[in-house]
Amino acid sequence: MRAVALLLVFLMVASDAHAMRCGHQLVREGDHKLDVLERCGEPDFVERRTAVRGSRLRHPRGALEIDRFDEVEIEDWVYNFGPRKFKQLLEFEDGELKSIRNLDYGY
């Protein structure tokens, strides 16, 4: 019975592994950057860059080959919540939150 309770606690914690709390608000992967701004305010640091994503489509018999390349705007936002919490790195692609990672402790 105790193992089942521990498993349930682990699953509840693991379900929010790709989320970040800003006060009483929760930010999750897939949110738009305007929603993150509304919930968390301005980030402490922003870095913008452009990446190229590509794919190649091929017909099974080799008669058709199409290369497709798209430019993607990437923004990295860093939130610093103070010396007792980890700084958070949020990566956006074309305005959509793709990943949330812990950095070192804040200052």
C-alpha atoms as a PDB file:
ATOM      1  CA  MET A   1       0.000   0.000   0.000  1.00  0.00           C
ATOM      2  CA  ARG A   2       2.829   2.382   0.834  1.00  0.00           C
ATOM      3  CA  ALA A   3       4.467   1.694  -2.557  1.00  0.00           C
ATOM      4  CA  VAL A   4       1.242   2.619  -4.347  1.00  0.00           C
ATOM      5  CA  ALA A   5       1.056   5.914  -2.429  1.00  0.00           C
ATOM      6  CA  LEU A   6       4.672   6.722  -3.310  1.00  0.00           C
ATOM      7  CA  LEU A   7       4.000   5.935  -6.952  1.00  0.00           C
ATOM      8  CA  LEU A   8       0.985   8.268  -6.998  1.00  0.00           C
ATOM      9  CA  VAL A   9       3.025  11.099  -5.452  1.00  0.00           C
ATOM     10  CA  PHE A  10       5.786  10.539  -8.006  1.00  0.00           C
ATOM     11  CA  LEU A  11       3.317  10.643 -10.903  1.00  0.00           C
ATOM     12  CA  MET A  12       1.762  13.883  -9.646  1.00  0.00           C
ATOM     13  CA  VAL A  13       5.193  15.522  -9.380  1.00  0.00           C
ATOM     14  CA  ALA A  14       6.365  14.144 -12.740  1.00  0.00           C
ATOM     15  CA  SER A  15       3.305  15.461 -14.582  1.00  0.00           C
ATOM     16  CA  ASP A  16       4.432  19.050 -13.935  1.00  0.00           C
ATOM     17  CA  ALA A  17       8.059  18.408 -14.908  1.00  0.00           C
ATOM     18  CA  HIS A  18       7.583  20.576 -17.990  1.00  0.00           C
ATOM     19  CA  ALA A  19       5.954  23.447 -16.135  1.00  0.00           C
ATOM     20  CA  MET A  20       7.014  26.484 -14.136  1.00  0.00           C
ATOM     21  CA  ARG A  21       5.189  28.286 -11.370  1.00  0.00           C
ATOM     22  CA  CYS A  22       5.017  32.101 -11.315  1.00  0.00           C
ATOM     23  CA  GLY A  23       3.345  33.007  -8.045  1.00  0.00           C
ATOM     24  CA  HIS A  24      -0.015  31.236  -8.217  1.00  0.00           C
ATOM     25  CA  GLN A  25       0.078  30.902 -12.011  1.00  0.00           C
ATOM     26  CA  LEU A  26       1.382  27.889 -13.940  1.00  0.00           C
ATOM     27  CA  VAL A  27       3.235  28.098 -17.265  1.00  0.00           C
ATOM     28  CA  ARG A  28       3.516  24.942 -19.393  1.00  0.00           C
ATOM     29  CA  GLU A  29       5.177  23.882 -22.608  1.00  0.00           C
ATOM     30  CA  GLY A  30       2.910  24.794 -25.501  1.00  0.00           C
ATOM     31  CA  ASP A  31       1.854  28.146 -23.997  1.00  0.00           C
ATOM     32  CA  HIS A  32       2.250  31.279 -26.130  1.00  0.00           C
ATOM     33  CA  LYS A  33       4.831  33.857 -25.042  1.00  0.00           C
ATOM     34  CA  LEU A  34       2.111  36.476 -24.476  1.00  0.00           C
ATOM     35  CA  ASP A  35       0.495  34.158 -21.914  1.00  0.00           C
ATOM     36  CA  VAL A  36       3.869  33.688 -20.203  1.00  0.00           C
ATOM     37  CA  LEU A  37       4.394  37.470 -20.096  1.00  0.00           C
ATOM     38  CA  GLU A  38       0.954  37.921 -18.548  1.00  0.00           C
ATOM     39  CA  ARG A  39       1.558  35.272 -15.875  1.00  0.00           C
ATOM     40  CA  CYS A  40       5.244  35.862 -15.062  1.00  0.00           C
ATOM     41  CA  GLY A  41       6.033  39.418 -16.150  1.00  0.00           C
ATOM     42  CA  GLU A  42       9.118  40.501 -18.061  1.00  0.00           C
ATOM     43  CA  PRO A  43      12.068  38.059 -18.046  1.00  0.00           C
ATOM     44  CA  ASP A  44      15.421  39.105 -16.608  1.00  0.00           C
ATOM     45  CA  PHE A  45      17.256  38.233 -19.840  1.00  0.00           C
ATOM     46  CA  VAL A  46      16.194  37.663 -23.454  1.00  0.00           C
ATOM     47  CA  GLU A  47      18.275  36.329 -26.342  1.00  0.00           C
ATOM     48  CA  ARG A  48      16.924  36.054 -29.894  1.00  0.00           C
ATOM     49  CA  ARG A  49      18.283  34.018 -32.776  1.00  0.00           C
ATOM     50  CA  THR A  50      17.143  32.469 -36.029  1.00  0.00           C
ATOM     51  CA  ALA A  51      17.516  28.797 -36.898  1.00  0.00           C
ATOM     52  CA  VAL A  52      16.876  26.905 -40.098  1.00  0.00           C
ATOM     53  CA  ARG A  53      14.858  23.719 -39.937  1.00  0.00           C
ATOM     54  CA  GLY A  54      14.839  21.435 -42.940  1.00  0.00           C
ATOM     55  CA  SER A  55      13.289  18.286 -44.230  1.00  0.00           C
ATOM     56  CA  ARG A  56      13.609  16.200 -47.338  1.00  0.00           C
ATOM     57  CA  LEU A  57      10.672  14.477 -48.932  1.00  0.00           C
ATOM     58  CA  ARG A  58      11.406  11.549 -51.234  1.00  0.00           C
ATOM     59  CA  HIS A  59       9.204   9.425 -53.385  1.00  0.00           C
ATOM     60  CA  PRO A  60       9.819   5.711 -52.743  1.00  0.00           C
ATOM     61  CA  ARG A  61      10.931   5.172 -56.346  1.00  0.00           C
ATOM     62  CA  GLY A  62      13.235   8.190 -56.355  1.00  0.00           C
ATOM     63  CA  ALA A  63      11.328  10.100 -59.028  1.00  0.00           C
ATOM     64  CA  LEU A  64      10.631  13.085 -56.771  1.00  0.00           C
ATOM     65  CA  GLU A  65      12.819  14.818 -54.208  1.00  0.00           C
ATOM     66  CA  ILE A  66      11.832  18.000 -52.408  1.00  0.00           C
ATOM     67  CA  ASP A  67      14.021  19.867 -49.937  1.00  0.00           C
ATOM     68  CA  ARG A  68      12.166  22.224 -47.638  1.00  0.00           C
ATOM     69  CA  PHE A  69      13.807  24.741 -45.343  1.00  0.00           C
ATOM     70  CA  ASP A  70      12.047  27.084 -42.931  1.00  0.00           C
ATOM     71  CA  GLU A  71      13.435  29.847 -40.745  1.00  0.00           C
ATOM     72  CA  VAL A  72      12.378  29.609 -37.110  1.00  0.00           C
ATOM     73  CA  GLU A  73      12.634  32.486 -34.643  1.00  0.00           C
ATOM     74  CA  ILE A  74      13.970  31.245 -31.303  1.00  0.00           C
ATOM     75  CA  GLU A  75      13.892  33.251 -28.075  1.00  0.00           C
ATOM     76  CA  ASP A  76      15.522  32.226 -24.802  1.00  0.00           C
ATOM     77  CA  TRP A  77      14.074  33.867 -21.704  1.00  0.00           C
ATOM     78  CA  VAL A  78      15.665  33.630 -18.263  1.00  0.00           C
ATOM     79  CA  TYR A  79      13.724  34.227 -15.060  1.00  0.00           C
ATOM     80  CA  ASN A  80      15.632  34.778 -11.805  1.00  0.00           C
ATOM     81  CA  PHE A  81      13.524  34.019  -8.731  1.00  0.00           C
ATOM     82  CA  GLY A  82      16.217  34.776  -6.149  1.00  0.00           C
ATOM     83  CA  PRO A  83      19.066  32.966  -4.366  1.00  0.00           C
ATOM     84  CA  ARG A  84      16.922  30.140  -2.933  1.00  0.00           C
ATOM     85  CA  LYS A  85      15.452  29.032  -6.248  1.00  0.00           C
ATOM     86  CA  PHE A  86      16.843  27.939  -9.593  1.00  0.00           C
ATOM     87  CA  LYS A  87      16.847  30.352 -12.495  1.00  0.00           C
ATOM     88  CA  GLN A  88      14.570  29.101 -15.266  1.00  0.00           C
ATOM     89  CA  LEU A  89      15.414  29.050 -18.987  1.00  0.00           C
ATOM     90  CA  LEU A  90      12.384  29.115 -21.278  1.00  0.00           C
ATOM     91  CA  GLU A  91      12.897  28.435 -24.996  1.00  0.00           C
ATOM     92  CA  PHE A  92      10.293  29.670 -27.477  1.00  0.00           C
ATOM     93  CA  GLU A  93      10.042  28.765 -31.163  1.00  0.00           C
ATOM     94  CA  ASP A  94       7.875  31.112 -33.223  1.00  0.00           C
ATOM     95  CA  GLY A  95       6.180  32.309 -30.023  1.00  0.00           C
ATOM     96  CA  GLU A  96       5.393  28.857 -28.575  1.00  0.00           C
ATOM     97  CA  LEU A  97       7.054  27.632 -25.372  1.00  0.00           C
ATOM     98  CA  LYS A  98       9.042  24.513 -26.328  1.00  0.00           C
ATOM     99  CA  SER A  99      11.108  23.777 -23.217  1.00  0.00           C
ATOM    100  CA  ILE A 100      11.688  24.795 -19.594  1.00  0.00           C
ATOM    101  CA  ARG A 101      15.049  24.027 -17.973  1.00  0.00           C
ATOM    102  CA  ASN A 102      16.585  24.697 -14.575  1.00  0.00           C
ATOM    103  CA  LEU A 103      19.807  26.694 -14.458  1.00  0.00           C
ATOM    104  CA  ASP A 104      22.010  27.529 -11.469  1.00  0.00           C
ATOM    105  CA  TYR A 105      20.630  29.183  -8.344  1.00  0.00           C
ATOM    106  CA  GLY A 106      19.574  32.780  -8.766  1.00  0.00           C
ATOM    107  CA  TYR A 107      21.096  35.830  -7.133  1.00  0.00           C
END
